[in-house]
């Protein structure tokens, strides 16, 4: 089962500490070796981002920063797990790294299963 982990936090927390980046690199390396890591990355700030919106039949583009954003998705990973329970354990371990290596940091990791076309096919 594939799960997307989205890390959410306030926008301007500054760069992560080197210690956190070091353990994150090791965590990613281990996940790649185990065949669990599909894709991961950090995201640019909203100040250099654009939203494309469809509303009332009209498509518009809005350049960042976005004043209404209280927290943003700062990074993501797509990982292969055997179960949702295992995915949640991975997310807790990930947040423990933040707790240990970035004291005072606050945020959350949202865990969502990726759905494929087979999940929406009509049932016989």
PDB file of N, CA and C in Angstrom:
ATOM      1  N   UNK A   1       0.848  -1.169   0.000  1.00  0.00           N
ATOM      2  CA  UNK A   1       0.000   0.000   0.000  1.00  0.00           C
ATOM      3  C   UNK A   1       0.899   1.240   0.000  1.00  0.00           C
ATOM      4  N   UNK A   2       0.563   2.176  -0.841  1.00  0.00           N
ATOM      5  CA  UNK A   2       1.335   3.420  -0.879  1.00  0.00           C
ATOM      6  C   UNK A   2       0.631   4.498  -0.060  1.00  0.00           C
ATOM      7  N   UNK A   3       1.450   5.249   0.675  1.00  0.00           N
ATOM      8  CA  UNK A   3       0.950   6.346   1.488  1.00  0.00           C
ATOM      9  C   UNK A   3       1.751   7.599   1.198  1.00  0.00           C
ATOM     10  N   UNK A   4       1.060   8.724   1.166  1.00  0.00           N
ATOM     11  CA  UNK A   4       1.731  10.018   1.070  1.00  0.00           C
ATOM     12  C   UNK A   4       1.763  10.622   2.457  1.00  0.00           C
ATOM     13  N   UNK A   5       2.937  11.062   2.850  1.00  0.00           N
ATOM     14  CA  UNK A   5       3.123  11.771   4.111  1.00  0.00           C
ATOM     15  C   UNK A   5       3.346  13.236   3.743  1.00  0.00           C
ATOM     16  N   UNK A   6       2.534  14.114   4.299  1.00  0.00           N
ATOM     17  CA  UNK A   6       2.684  15.549   4.048  1.00  0.00           C
ATOM     18  C   UNK A   6       3.005  16.233   5.368  1.00  0.00           C
ATOM     19  N   UNK A   7       4.126  16.928   5.401  1.00  0.00           N
ATOM     20  CA  UNK A   7       4.551  17.626   6.611  1.00  0.00           C
ATOM     21  C   UNK A   7       4.030  19.049   6.542  1.00  0.00           C
ATOM     22  N   UNK A   8       3.242  19.437   7.557  1.00  0.00           N
ATOM     23  CA  UNK A   8       2.643  20.769   7.593  1.00  0.00           C
ATOM     24  C   UNK A   8       3.192  21.536   8.790  1.00  0.00           C
ATOM     25  N   UNK A   9       3.445  22.822   8.561  1.00  0.00           N
ATOM     26  CA  UNK A   9       3.960  23.684   9.622  1.00  0.00           C
ATOM     27  C   UNK A   9       3.739  25.134   9.232  1.00  0.00           C
ATOM     28  N   UNK A  10       4.016  26.053  10.169  1.00  0.00           N
ATOM     29  CA  UNK A  10       3.893  27.460   9.810  1.00  0.00           C
ATOM     30  C   UNK A  10       4.972  27.783   8.779  1.00  0.00           C
ATOM     31  N   UNK A  11       4.707  28.792   7.978  1.00  0.00           N
ATOM     32  CA  UNK A  11       5.553  29.063   6.804  1.00  0.00           C
ATOM     33  C   UNK A  11       6.989  29.466   7.127  1.00  0.00           C
ATOM     34  N   UNK A  12       7.182  30.372   8.032  1.00  0.00           N
ATOM     35  CA  UNK A  12       8.519  30.970   8.196  1.00  0.00           C
ATOM     36  C   UNK A  12       9.226  30.493   9.453  1.00  0.00           C
ATOM     37  N   UNK A  13       9.539  29.213   9.511  1.00  0.00           N
ATOM     38  CA  UNK A  13      10.230  28.658  10.671  1.00  0.00           C
ATOM     39  C   UNK A  13      11.746  28.685  10.512  1.00  0.00           C
ATOM     40  N   UNK A  14      12.221  29.086   9.360  1.00  0.00           N
ATOM     41  CA  UNK A  14      13.656  29.084   9.112  1.00  0.00           C
ATOM     42  C   UNK A  14      14.116  27.711   8.659  1.00  0.00           C
ATOM     43  N   UNK A  15      15.383  27.619   8.301  1.00  0.00           N
ATOM     44  CA  UNK A  15      15.899  26.345   7.803  1.00  0.00           C
ATOM     45  C   UNK A  15      15.998  25.314   8.930  1.00  0.00           C
ATOM     46  N   UNK A  16      15.806  24.042   8.598  1.00  0.00           N
ATOM     47  CA  UNK A  16      15.939  22.995   9.617  1.00  0.00           C
ATOM     48  C   UNK A  16      17.379  22.897  10.104  1.00  0.00           C
ATOM     49  N   UNK A  17      17.585  22.510  11.353  1.00  0.00           N
ATOM     50  CA  UNK A  17      18.946  22.335  11.883  1.00  0.00           C
ATOM     51  C   UNK A  17      19.689  21.237  11.136  1.00  0.00           C
ATOM     52  N   UNK A  18      20.996  21.366  11.075  1.00  0.00           N
ATOM     53  CA  UNK A  18      21.832  20.383  10.383  1.00  0.00           C
ATOM     54  C   UNK A  18      21.643  18.984  10.960  1.00  0.00           C
ATOM     55  N   UNK A  19      21.526  18.877  12.276  1.00  0.00           N
ATOM     56  CA  UNK A  19      21.331  17.571  12.903  1.00  0.00           C
ATOM     57  C   UNK A  19      20.088  16.869  12.388  1.00  0.00           C
ATOM     58  N   UNK A  20      19.012  17.615  12.209  1.00  0.00           N
ATOM     59  CA  UNK A  20      17.780  17.032  11.675  1.00  0.00           C
ATOM     60  C   UNK A  20      17.993  16.609  10.230  1.00  0.00           C
ATOM     61  N   UNK A  21      18.637  17.453   9.451  1.00  0.00           N
ATOM     62  CA  UNK A  21      18.872  17.110   8.042  1.00  0.00           C
ATOM     63  C   UNK A  21      19.736  15.858   7.918  1.00  0.00           C
ATOM     64  N   UNK A  22      20.697  15.702   8.816  1.00  0.00           N
ATOM     65  CA  UNK A  22      21.560  14.516   8.791  1.00  0.00           C
ATOM     66  C   UNK A  22      20.766  13.236   9.074  1.00  0.00           C
ATOM     67  N   UNK A  23      19.912  13.263  10.120  1.00  0.00           N
ATOM     68  CA  UNK A  23      19.142  12.059  10.426  1.00  0.00           C
ATOM     69  C   UNK A  23      18.060  11.804   9.377  1.00  0.00           C
ATOM     70  N   UNK A  24      17.554  12.873   8.767  1.00  0.00           N
ATOM     71  CA  UNK A  24      16.567  12.708   7.696  1.00  0.00           C
ATOM     72  C   UNK A  24      17.220  12.046   6.474  1.00  0.00           C
ATOM     73  N   UNK A  25      18.448  12.441   6.176  1.00  0.00           N
ATOM     74  CA  UNK A  25      19.159  11.831   5.049  1.00  0.00           C
ATOM     75  C   UNK A  25      19.357  10.337   5.296  1.00  0.00           C
ATOM     76  N   UNK A  26      19.697   9.966   6.524  1.00  0.00           N
ATOM     77  CA  UNK A  26      19.885   8.560   6.878  1.00  0.00           C
ATOM     78  C   UNK A  26      18.556   7.808   6.804  1.00  0.00           C
ATOM     79  N   UNK A  27      17.481   8.428   7.306  1.00  0.00           N
ATOM     80  CA  UNK A  27      16.155   7.817   7.248  1.00  0.00           C
ATOM     81  C   UNK A  27      15.754   7.553   5.793  1.00  0.00           C
ATOM     82  N   UNK A  28      15.967   8.532   4.926  1.00  0.00           N
ATOM     83  CA  UNK A  28      15.637   8.384   3.501  1.00  0.00           C
ATOM     84  C   UNK A  28      16.481   7.297   2.847  1.00  0.00           C
ATOM     85  N   UNK A  29      17.779   7.298   3.163  1.00  0.00           N
ATOM     86  CA  UNK A  29      18.685   6.284   2.606  1.00  0.00           C
ATOM     87  C   UNK A  29      18.225   4.877   3.010  1.00  0.00           C
ATOM     88  N   UNK A  30      17.878   4.707   4.288  1.00  0.00           N
ATOM     89  CA  UNK A  30      17.414   3.406   4.764  1.00  0.00           C
ATOM     90  C   UNK A  30      16.112   2.994   4.078  1.00  0.00           C
ATOM     91  N   UNK A  31      15.200   3.955   3.870  1.00  0.00           N
ATOM     92  CA  UNK A  31      13.922   3.655   3.218  1.00  0.00           C
ATOM     93  C   UNK A  31      14.129   3.262   1.757  1.00  0.00           C
ATOM     94  N   UNK A  32      15.080   3.901   1.083  1.00  0.00           N
ATOM     95  CA  UNK A  32      15.398   3.543  -0.304  1.00  0.00           C
ATOM     96  C   UNK A  32      15.966   2.128  -0.349  1.00  0.00           C
ATOM     97  N   UNK A  33      16.917   1.827   0.544  1.00  0.00           N
ATOM     98  CA  UNK A  33      17.520   0.494   0.579  1.00  0.00           C
ATOM     99  C   UNK A  33      16.490  -0.590   0.864  1.00  0.00           C
ATOM    100  N   UNK A  34      15.502  -0.271   1.706  1.00  0.00           N
ATOM    101  CA  UNK A  34      14.460  -1.241   2.054  1.00  0.00           C
ATOM    102  C   UNK A  34      13.386  -1.356   0.966  1.00  0.00           C
ATOM    103  N   UNK A  35      13.452  -0.494  -0.040  1.00  0.00           N
ATOM    104  CA  UNK A  35      12.462  -0.509  -1.112  1.00  0.00           C
ATOM    105  C   UNK A  35      11.150   0.162  -0.739  1.00  0.00           C
ATOM    106  N   UNK A  36      11.138   0.905   0.362  1.00  0.00           N
ATOM    107  CA  UNK A  36       9.909   1.561   0.817  1.00  0.00           C
ATOM    108  C   UNK A  36       9.733   2.959   0.227  1.00  0.00           C
ATOM    109  N   UNK A  37      10.816   3.661  -0.044  1.00  0.00           N
ATOM    110  CA  UNK A  37      10.741   5.045  -0.523  1.00  0.00           C
ATOM    111  C   UNK A  37      10.441   5.067  -2.011  1.00  0.00           C
ATOM    112  N   UNK A  38       9.369   5.746  -2.361  1.00  0.00           N
ATOM    113  CA  UNK A  38       9.001   5.916  -3.759  1.00  0.00           C
ATOM    114  C   UNK A  38       9.477   7.276  -4.246  1.00  0.00           C
ATOM    115  N   UNK A  39       9.206   8.327  -3.450  1.00  0.00           N
ATOM    116  CA  UNK A  39       9.546   9.691  -3.833  1.00  0.00           C
ATOM    117  C   UNK A  39       9.452  10.571  -2.598  1.00  0.00           C
ATOM    118  N   UNK A  40      10.329  11.581  -2.493  1.00  0.00           N
ATOM    119  CA  UNK A  40      10.223  12.535  -1.388  1.00  0.00           C
ATOM    120  C   UNK A  40      10.833  13.854  -1.815  1.00  0.00           C
ATOM    121  N   UNK A  41      10.514  14.905  -1.062  1.00  0.00           N
ATOM    122  CA  UNK A  41      11.109  16.203  -1.355  1.00  0.00           C
ATOM    123  C   UNK A  41      10.549  17.298  -0.473  1.00  0.00           C
ATOM    124  N   UNK A  42      11.284  18.381  -0.422  1.00  0.00           N
ATOM    125  CA  UNK A  42      10.828  19.581   0.257  1.00  0.00           C
ATOM    126  C   UNK A  42      10.172  20.493  -0.761  1.00  0.00           C
ATOM    127  N   UNK A  43       9.331  21.387  -0.277  1.00  0.00           N
ATOM    128  CA  UNK A  43       8.616  22.289  -1.179  1.00  0.00           C
ATOM    129  C   UNK A  43       9.067  23.730  -0.976  1.00  0.00           C
ATOM    130  N   UNK A  44       9.089  24.490  -2.066  1.00  0.00           N
ATOM    131  CA  UNK A  44       9.466  25.902  -2.017  1.00  0.00           C
ATOM    132  C   UNK A  44       8.421  26.681  -1.217  1.00  0.00           C
ATOM    133  N   UNK A  45       8.808  27.825  -0.668  1.00  0.00           N
ATOM    134  CA  UNK A  45       7.854  28.651   0.077  1.00  0.00           C
ATOM    135  C   UNK A  45       6.718  29.155  -0.807  1.00  0.00           C
ATOM    136  N   UNK A  46       5.600  29.508  -0.182  1.00  0.00           N
ATOM    137  CA  UNK A  46       4.461  29.998  -0.956  1.00  0.00           C
ATOM    138  C   UNK A  46       4.769  31.317  -1.644  1.00  0.00           C
ATOM    139  N   UNK A  47       5.771  32.050  -1.161  1.00  0.00           N
ATOM    140  CA  UNK A  47       6.127  33.330  -1.784  1.00  0.00           C
ATOM    141  C   UNK A  47       6.521  33.160  -3.243  1.00  0.00           C
ATOM    142  N   UNK A  48       7.004  31.980  -3.613  1.00  0.00           N
ATOM    143  CA  UNK A  48       7.403  31.734  -5.002  1.00  0.00           C
ATOM    144  C   UNK A  48       6.507  30.680  -5.656  1.00  0.00           C
ATOM    145  N   UNK A  49       5.303  30.527  -5.124  1.00  0.00           N
ATOM    146  CA  UNK A  49       4.361  29.531  -5.630  1.00  0.00           C
ATOM    147  C   UNK A  49       3.152  30.201  -6.277  1.00  0.00           C
ATOM    148  N   UNK A  50       2.388  29.433  -7.017  1.00  0.00           N
ATOM    149  CA  UNK A  50       1.171  29.924  -7.666  1.00  0.00           C
ATOM    150  C   UNK A  50       0.072  28.897  -7.486  1.00  0.00           C
ATOM    151  N   UNK A  51      -1.134  29.384  -7.217  1.00  0.00           N
ATOM    152  CA  UNK A  51      -2.313  28.522  -7.165  1.00  0.00           C
ATOM    153  C   UNK A  51      -3.137  28.770  -8.419  1.00  0.00           C
ATOM    154  N   UNK A  52      -3.619  27.699  -9.027  1.00  0.00           N
ATOM    155  CA  UNK A  52      -4.522  27.806 -10.163  1.00  0.00           C
ATOM    156  C   UNK A  52      -5.875  27.325  -9.666  1.00  0.00           C
ATOM    157  N   UNK A  53      -6.869  28.195  -9.739  1.00  0.00           N
ATOM    158  CA  UNK A  53      -8.176  27.934  -9.128  1.00  0.00           C
ATOM    159  C   UNK A  53      -9.278  27.958 -10.183  1.00  0.00           C
ATOM    160  N   UNK A  54     -10.233  27.042 -10.028  1.00  0.00           N
ATOM    161  CA  UNK A  54     -11.452  27.030 -10.821  1.00  0.00           C
ATOM    162  C   UNK A  54     -12.586  27.395  -9.880  1.00  0.00           C
ATOM    163  N   UNK A  55     -13.254  28.503 -10.158  1.00  0.00           N
ATOM    164  CA  UNK A  55     -14.362  28.968  -9.327  1.00  0.00           C
ATOM    165  C   UNK A  55     -15.396  29.652 -10.206  1.00  0.00           C
ATOM    166  N   UNK A  56     -16.644  29.222 -10.069  1.00  0.00           N
ATOM    167  CA  UNK A  56     -17.758  29.793 -10.825  1.00  0.00           C
ATOM    168  C   UNK A  56     -17.492  29.763 -12.331  1.00  0.00           C
ATOM    169  N   UNK A  57     -16.874  28.658 -12.781  1.00  0.00           N
ATOM    170  CA  UNK A  57     -16.615  28.478 -14.203  1.00  0.00           C
ATOM    171  C   UNK A  57     -15.408  29.227 -14.739  1.00  0.00           C
ATOM    172  N   UNK A  58     -14.704  29.957 -13.889  1.00  0.00           N
ATOM    173  CA  UNK A  58     -13.536  30.734 -14.323  1.00  0.00           C
ATOM    174  C   UNK A  58     -12.261  30.162 -13.714  1.00  0.00           C
ATOM    175  N   UNK A  59     -11.203  30.131 -14.518  1.00  0.00           N
ATOM    176  CA  UNK A  59      -9.895  29.681 -14.040  1.00  0.00           C
ATOM    177  C   UNK A  59      -9.029  30.908 -13.829  1.00  0.00           C
ATOM    178  N   UNK A  60      -8.414  30.985 -12.659  1.00  0.00           N
ATOM    179  CA  UNK A  60      -7.528  32.111 -12.360  1.00  0.00           C
ATOM    180  C   UNK A  60      -6.248  31.600 -11.718  1.00  0.00           C
ATOM    181  N   UNK A  61      -5.195  32.402 -11.820  1.00  0.00           N
ATOM    182  CA  UNK A  61      -3.911  32.107 -11.186  1.00  0.00           C
ATOM    183  C   UNK A  61      -3.648  33.153 -10.120  1.00  0.00           C
ATOM    184  N   UNK A  62      -3.198  32.694  -8.958  1.00  0.00           N
ATOM    185  CA  UNK A  62      -2.897  33.596  -7.849  1.00  0.00           C
ATOM    186  C   UNK A  62      -1.462  33.327  -7.417  1.00  0.00           C
ATOM    187  N   UNK A  63      -0.612  34.351  -7.506  1.00  0.00           N
ATOM    188  CA  UNK A  63       0.774  34.207  -7.078  1.00  0.00           C
ATOM    189  C   UNK A  63       0.878  34.360  -5.570  1.00  0.00           C
ATOM    190  N   UNK A  64       1.795  33.604  -4.968  1.00  0.00           N
ATOM    191  CA  UNK A  64       2.041  33.687  -3.528  1.00  0.00           C
ATOM    192  C   UNK A  64       2.842  34.923  -3.201  1.00  0.00           C
ATOM    193  N   UNK A  65       3.003  35.225  -1.931  1.00  0.00           N
ATOM    194  CA  UNK A  65       2.548  34.418  -0.798  1.00  0.00           C
ATOM    195  C   UNK A  65       1.042  34.528  -0.618  1.00  0.00           C
ATOM    196  N   UNK A  66       0.486  33.545   0.064  1.00  0.00           N
ATOM    197  CA  UNK A  66      -0.952  33.469   0.253  1.00  0.00           C
ATOM    198  C   UNK A  66      -1.288  33.902   1.672  1.00  0.00           C
ATOM    199  N   UNK A  67      -1.940  35.039   1.799  1.00  0.00           N
ATOM    200  CA  UNK A  67      -2.183  35.627   3.117  1.00  0.00           C
ATOM    201  C   UNK A  67      -3.013  34.733   4.022  1.00  0.00           C
ATOM    202  N   UNK A  68      -3.891  33.912   3.452  1.00  0.00           N
ATOM    203  CA  UNK A  68      -4.747  33.086   4.293  1.00  0.00           C
ATOM    204  C   UNK A  68      -4.066  31.814   4.787  1.00  0.00           C
ATOM    205  N   UNK A  69      -2.835  31.542   4.343  1.00  0.00           N
ATOM    206  CA  UNK A  69      -2.146  30.310   4.726  1.00  0.00           C
ATOM    207  C   UNK A  69      -1.580  30.429   6.140  1.00  0.00           C
ATOM    208  N   UNK A  70      -2.176  29.692   7.081  1.00  0.00           N
ATOM    209  CA  UNK A  70      -1.656  29.662   8.446  1.00  0.00           C
ATOM    210  C   UNK A  70      -0.577  28.595   8.575  1.00  0.00           C
ATOM    211  N   UNK A  71      -0.766  27.507   7.859  1.00  0.00           N
ATOM    212  CA  UNK A  71       0.278  26.498   7.787  1.00  0.00           C
ATOM    213  C   UNK A  71       0.340  25.990   6.356  1.00  0.00           C
ATOM    214  N   UNK A  72       1.504  25.493   5.985  1.00  0.00           N
ATOM    215  CA  UNK A  72       1.730  25.060   4.614  1.00  0.00           C
ATOM    216  C   UNK A  72       2.292  23.642   4.617  1.00  0.00           C
ATOM    217  N   UNK A  73       2.167  22.972   3.480  1.00  0.00           N
ATOM    218  CA  UNK A  73       2.845  21.697   3.294  1.00  0.00           C
ATOM    219  C   UNK A  73       4.286  22.035   2.929  1.00  0.00           C
ATOM    220  N   UNK A  74       5.213  21.654   3.789  1.00  0.00           N
ATOM    221  CA  UNK A  74       6.614  21.992   3.572  1.00  0.00           C
ATOM    222  C   UNK A  74       7.408  20.887   2.913  1.00  0.00           C
ATOM    223  N   UNK A  75       6.893  19.675   2.942  1.00  0.00           N
ATOM    224  CA  UNK A  75       7.582  18.553   2.341  1.00  0.00           C
ATOM    225  C   UNK A  75       6.653  17.360   2.253  1.00  0.00           C
ATOM    226  N   UNK A  76       7.103  16.334   1.540  1.00  0.00           N
ATOM    227  CA  UNK A  76       6.267  15.156   1.344  1.00  0.00           C
ATOM    228  C   UNK A  76       7.134  13.937   1.101  1.00  0.00           C
ATOM    229  N   UNK A  77       6.551  12.787   1.279  1.00  0.00           N
ATOM    230  CA  UNK A  77       7.180  11.523   0.900  1.00  0.00           C
ATOM    231  C   UNK A  77       6.074  10.558   0.508  1.00  0.00           C
ATOM    232  N   UNK A  78       6.357   9.754  -0.496  1.00  0.00           N
ATOM    233  CA  UNK A  78       5.470   8.660  -0.868  1.00  0.00           C
ATOM    234  C   UNK A  78       6.229   7.385  -0.517  1.00  0.00           C
ATOM    235  N   UNK A  79       5.602   6.588   0.359  1.00  0.00           N
ATOM    236  CA  UNK A  79       6.259   5.383   0.867  1.00  0.00           C
ATOM    237  C   UNK A  79       5.364   4.170   0.709  1.00  0.00           C
ATOM    238  N   UNK A  80       5.994   3.029   0.557  1.00  0.00           N
ATOM    239  CA  UNK A  80       5.297   1.753   0.441  1.00  0.00           C
ATOM    240  C   UNK A  80       5.301   1.084   1.819  1.00  0.00           C
ATOM    241  N   UNK A  81       4.110   0.781   2.339  1.00  0.00           N
ATOM    242  CA  UNK A  81       3.969   0.104   3.633  1.00  0.00           C
ATOM    243  C   UNK A  81       3.017  -1.077   3.476  1.00  0.00           C
ATOM    244  N   UNK A  82       3.083  -2.002   4.419  1.00  0.00           N
ATOM    245  CA  UNK A  82       2.201  -3.166   4.398  1.00  0.00           C
ATOM    246  C   UNK A  82       0.805  -2.833   4.901  1.00  0.00           C
ATOM    247  N   UNK A  83       0.696  -1.773   5.730  1.00  0.00           N
ATOM    248  CA  UNK A  83      -0.594  -1.439   6.329  1.00  0.00           C
ATOM    249  C   UNK A  83      -0.605   0.028   6.752  1.00  0.00           C
ATOM    250  N   UNK A  84      -1.795   0.524   7.049  1.00  0.00           N
ATOM    251  CA  UNK A  84      -1.910   1.881   7.571  1.00  0.00           C
ATOM    252  C   UNK A  84      -1.235   1.977   8.935  1.00  0.00           C
ATOM    253  N   UNK A  85      -1.351   0.936   9.733  1.00  0.00           N
ATOM    254  CA  UNK A  85      -0.704   0.913  11.053  1.00  0.00           C
ATOM    255  C   UNK A  85       0.807   1.141  10.903  1.00  0.00           C
ATOM    256  N   UNK A  86       1.415   0.450   9.952  1.00  0.00           N
ATOM    257  CA  UNK A  86       2.849   0.604   9.712  1.00  0.00           C
ATOM    258  C   UNK A  86       3.171   2.020   9.228  1.00  0.00           C
ATOM    259  N   UNK A  87       2.311   2.585   8.388  1.00  0.00           N
ATOM    260  CA  UNK A  87       2.513   3.956   7.908  1.00  0.00           C
ATOM    261  C   UNK A  87       2.449   4.943   9.070  1.00  0.00           C
ATOM    262  N   UNK A  88       1.489   4.746   9.979  1.00  0.00           N
ATOM    263  CA  UNK A  88       1.378   5.633  11.141  1.00  0.00           C
ATOM    264  C   UNK A  88       2.594   5.513  12.052  1.00  0.00           C
ATOM    265  N   UNK A  89       3.105   4.320  12.214  1.00  0.00           N
ATOM    266  CA  UNK A  89       4.328   4.133  13.009  1.00  0.00           C
ATOM    267  C   UNK A  89       5.493   4.892  12.379  1.00  0.00           C
ATOM    268  N   UNK A  90       5.572   4.863  11.043  1.00  0.00           N
ATOM    269  CA  UNK A  90       6.615   5.608  10.344  1.00  0.00           C
ATOM    270  C   UNK A  90       6.473   7.111  10.550  1.00  0.00           C
ATOM    271  N   UNK A  91       5.234   7.614  10.517  1.00  0.00           N
ATOM    272  CA  UNK A  91       4.998   9.043  10.722  1.00  0.00           C
ATOM    273  C   UNK A  91       5.363   9.465  12.139  1.00  0.00           C
ATOM    274  N   UNK A  92       5.039   8.630  13.127  1.00  0.00           N
ATOM    275  CA  UNK A  92       5.395   8.948  14.518  1.00  0.00           C
ATOM    276  C   UNK A  92       6.913   8.982  14.677  1.00  0.00           C
ATOM    277  N   UNK A  93       7.605   8.025  14.084  1.00  0.00           N
ATOM    278  CA  UNK A  93       9.070   8.009  14.160  1.00  0.00           C
ATOM    279  C   UNK A  93       9.663   9.261  13.508  1.00  0.00           C
ATOM    280  N   UNK A  94       9.080   9.679  12.397  1.00  0.00           N
ATOM    281  CA  UNK A  94       9.519  10.885  11.692  1.00  0.00           C
ATOM    282  C   UNK A  94       9.346  12.119  12.578  1.00  0.00           C
ATOM    283  N   UNK A  95       8.196  12.218  13.249  1.00  0.00           N
ATOM    284  CA  UNK A  95       7.944  13.359  14.131  1.00  0.00           C
ATOM    285  C   UNK A  95       8.843  13.317  15.363  1.00  0.00           C
ATOM    286  N   UNK A  96       9.183  12.118  15.840  1.00  0.00           N
ATOM    287  CA  UNK A  96      10.125  11.990  16.966  1.00  0.00           C
ATOM    288  C   UNK A  96      11.483  12.593  16.601  1.00  0.00           C
ATOM    289  N   UNK A  97      11.898  12.430  15.342  1.00  0.00           N
ATOM    290  CA  UNK A  97      13.163  13.029  14.892  1.00  0.00           C
ATOM    291  C   UNK A  97      13.089  14.555  14.978  1.00  0.00           C
ATOM    292  N   UNK A  98      11.956  15.120  14.595  1.00  0.00           N
ATOM    293  CA  UNK A  98      11.784  16.569  14.697  1.00  0.00           C
ATOM    294  C   UNK A  98      11.831  17.012  16.163  1.00  0.00           C
ATOM    295  N   UNK A  99      11.139  16.271  17.014  1.00  0.00           N
ATOM    296  CA  UNK A  99      11.105  16.596  18.449  1.00  0.00           C
ATOM    297  C   UNK A  99      12.514  16.601  19.034  1.00  0.00           C
ATOM    298  N   UNK A 100      13.306  15.606  18.670  1.00  0.00           N
ATOM    299  CA  UNK A 100      14.660  15.461  19.216  1.00  0.00           C
ATOM    300  C   UNK A 100      15.647  16.476  18.628  1.00  0.00           C
ATOM    301  N   UNK A 101      15.579  16.709  17.315  1.00  0.00           N
ATOM    302  CA  UNK A 101      16.612  17.493  16.638  1.00  0.00           C
ATOM    303  C   UNK A 101      16.218  18.936  16.324  1.00  0.00           C
ATOM    304  N   UNK A 102      14.957  19.307  16.592  1.00  0.00           N
ATOM    305  CA  UNK A 102      14.522  20.682  16.352  1.00  0.00           C
ATOM    306  C   UNK A 102      13.597  21.106  17.494  1.00  0.00           C
ATOM    307  N   UNK A 103      14.158  21.265  18.691  1.00  0.00           N
ATOM    308  CA  UNK A 103      13.336  21.639  19.849  1.00  0.00           C
ATOM    309  C   UNK A 103      12.521  22.906  19.559  1.00  0.00           C
ATOM    310  N   UNK A 104      11.263  22.872  19.957  1.00  0.00           N
ATOM    311  CA  UNK A 104      10.390  24.018  19.752  1.00  0.00           C
ATOM    312  C   UNK A 104       9.639  24.002  18.434  1.00  0.00           C
ATOM    313  N   UNK A 105      10.050  23.152  17.491  1.00  0.00           N
ATOM    314  CA  UNK A 105       9.349  23.067  16.199  1.00  0.00           C
ATOM    315  C   UNK A 105       7.958  22.501  16.434  1.00  0.00           C
ATOM    316  N   UNK A 106       6.984  23.044  15.731  1.00  0.00           N
ATOM    317  CA  UNK A 106       5.625  22.529  15.811  1.00  0.00           C
ATOM    318  C   UNK A 106       5.091  22.298  14.416  1.00  0.00           C
ATOM    319  N   UNK A 107       4.407  21.200  14.239  1.00  0.00           N
ATOM    320  CA  UNK A 107       3.816  20.877  12.952  1.00  0.00           C
ATOM    321  C   UNK A 107       3.141  19.532  13.022  1.00  0.00           C
ATOM    322  N   UNK A 108       2.765  19.016  11.871  1.00  0.00           N
ATOM    323  CA  UNK A 108       2.110  17.720  11.819  1.00  0.00           C
ATOM    324  C   UNK A 108       2.458  17.019  10.523  1.00  0.00           C
ATOM    325  N   UNK A 109       2.328  15.712  10.554  1.00  0.00           N
ATOM    326  CA  UNK A 109       2.455  14.913   9.340  1.00  0.00           C
ATOM    327  C   UNK A 109       1.107  14.270   9.071  1.00  0.00           C
ATOM    328  N   UNK A 110       0.547  14.573   7.920  1.00  0.00           N
ATOM    329  CA  UNK A 110      -0.713  13.964   7.502  1.00  0.00           C
ATOM    330  C   UNK A 110      -0.387  12.711   6.707  1.00  0.00           C
ATOM    331  N   UNK A 111      -1.041  11.614   7.040  1.00  0.00           N
ATOM    332  CA  UNK A 111      -0.819  10.327   6.393  1.00  0.00           C
ATOM    333  C   UNK A 111      -2.059   9.996   5.559  1.00  0.00           C
ATOM    334  N   UNK A 112      -1.860   9.843   4.247  1.00  0.00           N
ATOM    335  CA  UNK A 112      -2.998   9.538   3.367  1.00  0.00           C
ATOM    336  C   UNK A 112      -2.622   8.421   2.405  1.00  0.00           C
ATOM    337  N   UNK A 113      -3.499   7.441   2.306  1.00  0.00           N
ATOM    338  CA  UNK A 113      -3.265   6.356   1.372  1.00  0.00           C
ATOM    339  C   UNK A 113      -3.493   6.857  -0.045  1.00  0.00           C
ATOM    340  N   UNK A 114      -2.618   6.463  -0.960  1.00  0.00           N
ATOM    341  CA  UNK A 114      -2.794   6.799  -2.372  1.00  0.00           C
ATOM    342  C   UNK A 114      -3.777   5.811  -2.980  1.00  0.00           C
ATOM    343  N   UNK A 115      -4.688   6.332  -3.744  1.00  0.00           N
ATOM    344  CA  UNK A 115      -5.700   5.516  -4.388  1.00  0.00           C
ATOM    345  C   UNK A 115      -5.384   5.402  -5.881  1.00  0.00           C
ATOM    346  N   UNK A 116      -5.597   4.240  -6.436  1.00  0.00           N
ATOM    347  CA  UNK A 116      -5.385   4.029  -7.860  1.00  0.00           C
ATOM    348  C   UNK A 116      -6.690   3.808  -8.579  1.00  0.00           C
ATOM    349  N   UNK A 117      -6.652   3.695  -9.912  1.00  0.00           N
ATOM    350  CA  UNK A 117      -7.878   3.481 -10.688  1.00  0.00           C
ATOM    351  C   UNK A 117      -8.665   2.263 -10.211  1.00  0.00           C
ATOM    352  N   UNK A 118      -7.950   1.241  -9.744  1.00  0.00           N
ATOM    353  CA  UNK A 118      -8.624   0.028  -9.275  1.00  0.00           C
ATOM    354  C   UNK A 118      -9.512   0.297  -8.060  1.00  0.00           C
ATOM    355  N   UNK A 119      -9.213   1.351  -7.317  1.00  0.00           N
ATOM    356  CA  UNK A 119     -10.020   1.693  -6.136  1.00  0.00           C
ATOM    357  C   UNK A 119     -11.349   2.360  -6.522  1.00  0.00           C
ATOM    358  N   UNK A 120     -11.473   2.793  -7.765  1.00  0.00           N
ATOM    359  CA  UNK A 120     -12.687   3.475  -8.212  1.00  0.00           C
ATOM    360  C   UNK A 120     -13.461   2.698  -9.263  1.00  0.00           C
ATOM    361  N   UNK A 121     -12.958   1.507  -9.616  1.00  0.00           N
ATOM    362  CA  UNK A 121     -13.628   0.689 -10.636  1.00  0.00           C
ATOM    363  C   UNK A 121     -14.955   0.178 -10.096  1.00  0.00           C
ATOM    364  N   UNK A 122     -15.954   0.080 -10.966  1.00  0.00           N
ATOM    365  CA  UNK A 122     -17.245  -0.459 -10.526  1.00  0.00           C
ATOM    366  C   UNK A 122     -17.074  -1.888 -10.009  1.00  0.00           C
ATOM    367  N   UNK A 123     -17.777  -2.197  -8.951  1.00  0.00           N
ATOM    368  CA  UNK A 123     -17.727  -3.553  -8.377  1.00  0.00           C
ATOM    369  C   UNK A 123     -18.703  -4.430  -9.126  1.00  0.00           C
ATOM    370  N   UNK A 124     -18.266  -5.661  -9.483  1.00  0.00           N
ATOM    371  CA  UNK A 124     -19.164  -6.575 -10.237  1.00  0.00           C
ATOM    372  C   UNK A 124     -20.312  -7.048  -9.393  1.00  0.00           C
TER     373      UNK A 124
END
